[in-house]
Protein backbone atom coordinates (compact mmCIF):
# COMPACT_ATOMS: atom_id res chain seq x y z
CA UNK A 1 -7.97 59.35 13.09
CA UNK A 2 -11.15 57.12 12.89
CA UNK A 3 -9.59 55.22 10.18
CA UNK A 4 -6.20 54.80 12.10
CA UNK A 5 -8.52 53.79 15.45
CA UNK A 6 -10.44 51.18 13.06
CA UNK A 7 -7.08 49.64 11.65
CA UNK A 8 -6.00 49.59 15.15
CA UNK A 9 -9.00 47.69 16.21
CA UNK A 10 -8.65 45.18 13.42
CA UNK A 11 -5.11 44.70 14.17
CA UNK A 12 -5.79 43.84 17.92
CA UNK A 13 -8.66 41.65 17.17
CA UNK A 14 -6.19 40.09 14.62
CA UNK A 15 -3.44 39.60 16.96
CA UNK A 16 -5.57 38.35 19.77
CA UNK A 17 -6.81 35.60 17.30
CA UNK A 18 -3.30 34.30 16.15
CA UNK A 19 -2.17 34.64 19.99
CA UNK A 20 -5.17 32.47 21.02
CA UNK A 21 -4.46 30.07 18.46
CA UNK A 22 -0.78 29.45 19.13
CA UNK A 23 -1.37 29.40 23.02
CA UNK A 24 -4.04 26.66 22.60
CA UNK A 25 -1.33 24.79 20.20
CA UNK A 26 1.31 25.29 22.56
CA UNK A 27 -0.61 24.12 25.73
CA UNK A 28 -1.45 20.93 23.87
CA UNK A 29 2.20 20.28 22.61
CA UNK A 30 3.23 20.61 26.25
CA UNK A 31 1.22 18.01 27.25
CA UNK A 32 3.00 15.66 24.88
CA UNK A 33 6.60 17.15 26.08
CA UNK A 34 7.13 18.88 22.90
CA UNK A 35 8.98 21.99 22.49
CA UNK A 36 7.39 24.67 20.20
CA UNK A 37 9.46 26.94 17.89
CA UNK A 38 7.95 29.77 16.30
CA UNK A 39 9.88 31.27 13.17
CA UNK A 40 9.22 35.18 13.55
CA UNK A 41 10.30 38.29 11.85
CA UNK A 42 10.88 41.64 12.42
CA UNK A 43 7.73 42.61 11.14
CA UNK A 44 5.82 40.48 13.37
CA UNK A 45 7.89 41.90 16.60
CA UNK A 46 6.68 45.15 15.58
CA UNK A 47 3.07 43.92 14.87
CA UNK A 48 2.85 42.26 18.21
CA UNK A 49 4.84 45.21 20.12
CA UNK A 50 7.96 42.98 20.91
CA UNK A 51 11.51 44.00 21.28
CA UNK A 52 14.87 42.72 21.93
CA UNK A 53 14.40 43.78 25.53
CA UNK A 54 10.72 42.89 25.94
CA UNK A 55 9.36 39.23 24.68
CA UNK A 56 6.63 39.30 27.29
CA UNK A 57 3.85 38.72 24.46
CA UNK A 58 5.80 35.34 23.58
CA UNK A 59 6.02 34.34 27.05
CA UNK A 60 2.14 35.05 27.31
CA UNK A 61 1.54 32.00 25.00
CA UNK A 62 4.24 29.95 26.81
CA UNK A 63 6.43 29.34 23.75
CA UNK A 64 9.68 27.33 23.99
CA UNK A 65 11.95 28.80 21.18
CA UNK A 66 11.94 32.12 18.85
CA UNK A 67 13.42 31.52 15.56
CA UNK A 68 14.81 35.00 14.38
CA UNK A 69 14.35 35.27 10.32
CA UNK A 70 16.74 38.14 10.52
CA UNK A 71 19.31 39.68 12.70
CA UNK A 72 18.75 42.72 15.02
CA UNK A 73 22.33 43.57 15.08
CA UNK A 74 24.89 41.69 17.58
CA UNK A 75 24.07 43.57 20.50
CA UNK A 76 20.31 43.53 20.35
CA UNK A 77 20.88 39.90 19.20
CA UNK A 78 22.81 39.11 22.71
CA UNK A 79 19.90 40.92 24.49
CA UNK A 80 17.36 38.57 23.07
CA UNK A 81 19.78 35.59 23.86
CA UNK A 82 20.08 36.38 27.49
CA UNK A 83 16.56 37.35 27.94
CA UNK A 84 15.21 36.22 31.51
CA UNK A 85 12.10 34.98 30.52
CA UNK A 86 13.40 31.34 29.84
CA UNK A 87 12.66 31.56 25.95
CA UNK A 88 15.26 30.08 23.91
CA UNK A 89 16.55 32.20 20.89
CA UNK A 90 17.24 30.78 17.50
CA UNK A 91 19.12 32.16 14.45
CA UNK A 92 19.40 31.32 10.73
CA UNK A 93 22.38 30.07 9.54
CA UNK A 94 24.79 32.75 9.05
CA UNK A 95 28.03 32.45 10.54
CA UNK A 96 28.73 36.27 10.79
CA UNK A 97 25.50 36.26 13.23
CA UNK A 98 27.34 33.80 15.58
CA UNK A 99 30.23 35.71 15.34
CA UNK A 100 28.61 38.87 16.26
CA UNK A 101 27.10 37.12 19.22
CA UNK A 102 30.34 35.96 20.62
CA UNK A 103 31.85 39.17 20.21
CA UNK A 104 29.00 40.80 21.96
CA UNK A 105 29.38 38.72 24.79
CA UNK A 106 26.97 35.94 24.40
CA UNK A 107 28.03 32.39 25.49
CA UNK A 108 28.32 29.76 22.64
CA UNK A 109 26.55 27.18 24.38
CA UNK A 110 23.43 29.26 24.87
CA UNK A 111 23.40 29.91 21.05
CA UNK A 112 20.97 28.18 18.71
CA UNK A 113 21.23 27.97 14.72
CA UNK A 114 18.82 26.55 12.55
CA UNK A 115 19.05 25.79 8.90
CA UNK A 116 16.32 26.44 6.49
CA UNK A 117 14.36 23.53 4.78
CA UNK A 118 14.03 23.65 0.69
CA UNK A 119 11.06 22.60 -0.99
CA UNK A 120 12.07 23.20 -4.52
CA UNK A 121 14.22 20.31 -5.75
CA UNK A 122 17.75 21.06 -6.52
CA UNK A 123 18.03 24.39 -4.51
CA UNK A 124 19.20 22.96 -1.04
CA UNK A 125 22.53 23.20 0.37
CA UNK A 126 25.65 21.57 -1.27
CA UNK A 127 26.82 18.94 0.68
CA UNK A 128 30.32 20.47 1.19
CA UNK A 129 29.05 24.15 1.52
CA UNK A 130 26.95 22.57 4.34
CA UNK A 131 30.24 21.46 5.90
CA UNK A 132 32.07 24.63 5.64
CA UNK A 133 29.42 26.76 6.78
CA UNK A 134 28.47 24.83 9.70
CA UNK A 135 32.10 24.23 10.55
CA UNK A 136 32.60 28.03 10.72
CA UNK A 137 29.65 28.41 12.92
CA UNK A 138 31.39 25.40 15.15
CA UNK A 139 34.64 27.41 15.25
CA UNK A 140 33.02 29.99 17.69
CA UNK A 141 32.22 27.52 19.95
CA UNK A 142 29.71 24.61 21.33
CA UNK A 143 26.84 26.25 19.39
CA UNK A 144 23.65 23.98 19.09
CA UNK A 145 22.96 23.41 15.35
CA UNK A 146 19.60 21.94 13.66
CA UNK A 147 18.96 21.00 10.15
CA UNK A 148 16.08 19.15 8.59
CA UNK A 149 15.59 15.67 7.22
CA UNK A 150 12.46 14.65 5.08
CA UNK A 151 9.81 12.06 5.16
CA UNK A 152 9.44 10.28 1.83
CA UNK A 153 5.57 9.31 2.78
CA UNK A 154 3.67 10.09 -0.35
CA UNK A 155 1.01 11.39 2.12
CA UNK A 156 2.96 14.49 3.58
CA UNK A 157 2.38 18.10 3.63
CA UNK A 158 4.63 21.18 4.29
CA UNK A 159 4.83 24.68 3.07
CA UNK A 160 4.12 26.18 -0.27
CA UNK A 161 2.28 22.90 -1.41
CA UNK A 162 5.82 21.24 -1.18
CA UNK A 163 5.57 17.93 -2.66
CA UNK A 164 9.38 17.03 -3.08
CA UNK A 165 10.14 16.93 0.76
CA UNK A 166 11.58 19.65 3.06
CA UNK A 167 15.38 18.73 3.81
CA UNK A 168 18.24 21.08 4.31
CA UNK A 169 20.99 19.61 2.22
CA UNK A 170 19.98 18.73 -1.41
CA UNK A 171 22.05 15.55 -1.70
CA UNK A 172 19.92 13.92 1.13
CA UNK A 173 16.55 14.70 -0.91
CA UNK A 174 14.94 11.41 -1.61
CA UNK A 175 17.46 9.21 0.87
CA UNK A 176 15.54 6.74 3.42
CA UNK A 177 15.05 9.27 6.27
CA UNK A 178 17.47 7.11 8.94
CA UNK A 179 20.19 7.17 6.30
CA UNK A 180 19.41 11.29 6.13
CA UNK A 181 20.02 11.28 9.91
CA UNK A 182 23.10 9.01 10.03
CA UNK A 183 24.70 11.29 7.54
CA UNK A 184 24.12 14.37 9.62
CA UNK A 185 25.00 12.62 12.67
CA UNK A 186 28.28 11.60 10.98
CA UNK A 187 29.07 14.98 9.97
CA UNK A 188 29.33 15.80 13.48
CA UNK A 189 27.99 19.34 13.18
CA UNK A 190 24.54 18.86 13.82
CA UNK A 191 23.07 18.49 17.27
CA UNK A 192 19.42 18.69 16.43
CA UNK A 193 17.39 16.86 13.42
CA UNK A 194 13.84 18.08 12.26
CA UNK A 195 11.70 16.29 10.18
CA UNK A 196 10.71 19.05 7.63
CA UNK A 197 7.31 17.73 6.50
CA UNK A 198 4.12 15.68 7.77
CA UNK A 199 3.55 13.29 8.65
CA UNK A 200 6.37 10.66 8.79
CA UNK A 201 5.39 7.09 8.58
CA UNK A 202 5.57 4.72 11.63
CA UNK A 203 8.14 2.98 10.11
CA UNK A 204 10.23 5.81 9.08
CA UNK A 205 9.96 6.86 12.91
CA UNK A 206 10.99 3.77 14.27
CA UNK A 207 13.85 3.51 11.95
CA UNK A 208 15.08 6.99 13.23
CA UNK A 209 14.73 5.86 16.78
CA UNK A 210 17.10 3.02 16.01
CA UNK A 211 19.49 5.76 14.73
CA UNK A 212 19.39 7.75 17.78
CA UNK A 213 19.47 4.79 20.00
CA UNK A 214 22.89 4.02 18.21
CA UNK A 215 24.21 7.71 18.03
CA UNK A 216 25.92 7.90 21.36
CA UNK A 217 29.35 6.96 22.41
CA UNK A 218 29.84 5.20 25.55
CA UNK A 219 32.23 7.22 27.48
CA UNK A 220 32.94 4.47 30.15
CA UNK A 221 34.51 2.06 28.08
CA UNK A 222 37.97 1.45 29.06
CA UNK A 223 39.49 2.31 25.45
CA UNK A 224 37.43 5.40 25.18
CA UNK A 225 38.34 6.47 28.59
CA UNK A 226 42.10 5.82 27.48
CA UNK A 227 41.87 7.50 24.29
CA UNK A 228 40.26 10.49 25.83
CA UNK A 229 43.26 10.63 28.61
CA UNK A 230 45.95 10.52 25.92
CA UNK A 231 44.37 13.18 23.82
CA UNK A 232 43.39 10.92 21.03
CA UNK A 233 39.69 11.30 21.27
CA UNK A 234 38.11 15.05 21.90
CA UNK A 235 35.21 14.26 24.15
CA UNK A 236 33.32 17.27 22.92
CA UNK A 237 33.45 16.29 19.40
CA UNK A 238 32.39 12.73 19.96
CA UNK A 239 30.45 11.22 17.25
CA UNK A 240 29.24 7.70 16.06
CA UNK A 241 28.89 6.84 11.98
CA UNK A 242 26.31 4.34 11.62
CA UNK A 243 26.33 2.00 8.75
CA UNK A 244 23.66 -0.38 7.43
CA UNK A 245 25.87 -2.91 5.39
CA UNK A 246 25.13 -5.27 2.81
CA UNK A 247 26.10 -8.86 4.41
CA UNK A 248 27.44 -11.52 2.36
CA UNK A 249 25.26 -14.77 2.78
CA UNK A 250 28.58 -16.60 3.72
CA UNK A 251 29.51 -14.36 6.84
CA UNK A 252 30.17 -16.60 9.82
CA UNK A 253 28.15 -16.28 12.63
CA UNK A 254 30.98 -15.15 14.61
CA UNK A 255 31.92 -12.57 11.90
CA UNK A 256 28.34 -11.17 12.29
CA UNK A 257 28.47 -11.17 16.15
CA UNK A 258 31.96 -9.24 15.86
CA UNK A 259 30.47 -6.77 13.54
CA UNK A 260 26.79 -6.00 14.94
CA UNK A 261 27.38 -6.83 18.79
CA UNK A 262 30.64 -5.48 19.73
CA UNK A 263 30.82 -2.45 22.01
CA UNK A 264 32.24 -0.36 19.47
CA UNK A 265 34.85 -0.28 16.53
CA UNK A 266 37.20 2.80 16.13
CA UNK A 267 40.42 3.43 15.11
CA UNK A 268 43.11 5.13 17.16
CA UNK A 269 45.27 6.40 14.11
CA UNK A 270 45.06 8.13 11.11
CA UNK A 271 43.89 6.20 7.96
CA UNK A 272 46.10 5.63 5.08
CA UNK A 273 44.82 5.43 1.42
CA UNK A 274 43.84 1.73 1.60
CA UNK A 275 41.71 0.80 4.86
CA UNK A 276 40.20 1.99 7.83
CA UNK A 277 40.99 -0.52 10.69
CA UNK A 278 39.39 -0.96 13.88
CA UNK A 279 41.89 -2.91 16.30
CA UNK A 280 39.94 -3.08 19.20
CA UNK A 281 37.60 -6.20 17.98
CA UNK A 282 40.71 -8.52 17.72
CA UNK A 283 40.81 -8.83 21.45
CA UNK A 284 38.08 -11.54 20.98
CA UNK A 285 40.05 -14.22 20.58
CA UNK A 286 37.66 -16.71 21.86
CA UNK A 287 36.20 -16.59 18.23
CA UNK A 288 37.56 -18.53 15.13
CA UNK A 289 37.65 -16.75 12.01
CA UNK A 290 38.25 -19.48 9.55
CA UNK A 291 39.73 -18.34 6.20
CA UNK A 292 37.25 -18.31 3.62
CA UNK A 293 37.75 -18.05 -0.24
CA UNK A 294 36.75 -15.17 -2.24
CA UNK A 295 36.43 -14.83 -5.81
CA UNK A 296 37.46 -11.29 -5.85
CA UNK A 297 41.10 -10.37 -6.81
CA UNK A 298 41.01 -7.17 -5.20
CA UNK A 299 38.93 -5.66 -2.57
CA UNK A 300 37.29 -2.16 -3.44
CA UNK A 301 36.08 0.78 -1.53
CA UNK A 302 33.57 0.02 0.70
CA UNK A 303 34.10 -3.53 1.07
CA UNK A 304 34.09 -4.68 4.87
CA UNK A 305 36.68 -7.29 5.83
CA UNK A 306 37.60 -9.26 9.02
CA UNK A 307 41.07 -10.67 9.28
CA UNK A 308 40.91 -14.26 9.66
CA UNK A 309 43.04 -17.10 11.37
CA UNK A 310 45.69 -17.15 8.36
CA UNK A 311 47.02 -14.14 10.40
CA UNK A 312 46.12 -14.89 13.79
CA UNK A 313 47.59 -12.40 15.71
CA UNK A 314 45.32 -9.52 13.78
CA UNK A 315 42.32 -12.10 13.62
CA UNK A 316 38.82 -10.41 14.66
CA UNK A 317 40.36 -6.96 13.26
CA UNK A 318 37.47 -5.04 11.20
CA UNK A 319 38.50 -3.49 8.39
CA UNK A 320 36.66 -1.14 5.66
CA UNK A 321 38.40 -0.75 2.55
CA UNK A 322 39.15 2.82 1.01
CA UNK A 323 41.20 1.89 -2.05
CA UNK A 324 42.11 -1.02 -3.85
CA UNK A 325 43.38 -3.84 -1.68
CA UNK A 326 44.98 -7.20 -2.71
CA UNK A 327 42.89 -10.20 -1.57
CA UNK A 328 45.84 -12.25 -0.02
CA UNK A 329 43.75 -14.56 1.89
CA UNK A 330 44.29 -13.19 5.32
CA UNK A 331 40.93 -11.33 5.18
CA UNK A 332 37.42 -12.62 4.94
CA UNK A 333 34.99 -10.54 3.03
CA UNK A 334 32.00 -9.79 5.06
CA UNK A 335 29.92 -7.49 3.31
CA UNK A 336 29.96 -4.06 1.64
CA UNK A 337 28.71 -0.59 2.36
CA UNK A 338 25.83 0.23 0.05
CA UNK A 339 26.29 3.19 -2.83
CA UNK A 340 23.88 5.12 -0.99
CA UNK A 341 25.79 5.19 2.12
CA UNK A 342 29.44 5.78 0.42
CA UNK A 343 29.08 9.27 1.78
CA UNK A 344 29.46 7.92 5.26
CA UNK A 345 32.97 6.36 3.98
CA UNK A 346 34.02 9.66 3.04
CA UNK A 347 33.81 10.91 6.70
CA UNK A 348 35.76 8.13 8.28
CA UNK A 349 38.71 9.04 10.54
CA UNK A 350 40.56 8.53 13.55
CA UNK A 351 38.75 8.43 16.90
CA UNK A 352 35.26 7.78 15.55
CA UNK A 353 32.82 5.24 16.90
CA UNK A 354 31.71 2.95 14.05
CA UNK A 355 28.35 1.11 14.47
CA UNK A 356 26.98 -1.50 12.25
CA UNK A 357 23.09 -2.12 12.47
CA UNK A 358 21.01 -4.38 10.80
């Protein structure tokens, strides 16, 4: 009994120390408008005396989100999600957990899911598997999904002495951080992007801000409204693909203006195997698109073209080459998508907002 009492006292002091530390940390984070998400296990729940129906211990430190390392079963998971303390509950990236929650009556829009990060090289999610997995989760409704990108700063730190970054998807490891984010956004499957390791450089943070500034779709544009009204564009699945193209030194100012400063480029019909085309930009008939010779006999996948004045009706139309296209003199070569960004070309589809940034 004495030993049990002594052990209990030790646990109590340890719990108080841990809770005190996190209470102070969370209070500091809230001063800077940050949310704090704690990753917890059933073992920690037991140690703190928390249950699916009693999260008061977490409320006492004012935590914003609790990420459940394991499921308690769909009924208790639903009870967690529907807690009346204002604490958001986040789950691991298991489709069966989300399915169980929805079957138990939880609202999809109240469900948060976050993928893991992977410190060890070659162990992260495969790109195709991630899309299949996240797509299945999204099939149950408007679930919020988070995933990790990784800073390439050599001075970062993370869990378990990680030194190779902390991304969710293996294919993104080592890519520029803004490209990692652009790929996740383009997938249409991720709502929240988290930097896995600390600290990202100021330049990386600025590049992420530029991506986020360009990630939205302007629903007030007449063309967007028209596409939504006609069922061509699903408002809930609106997303942007953001390219940072390599621009030809011969591209004209008119071509660069159309490429970078036109409100949005998009295709309202399915692609064929040769080109993705944005018809909207040909409305700018006030520009000249003088034909320009190019040494290429054929344009290749990833090349960016603008129809020139040799075909005035279509002049100004922006096109991205998907297959081999003959250089017939009616299109000017203005640049190309870099090899690292070709994964974005694979995601091109109808109804997507396409943006080019410098």
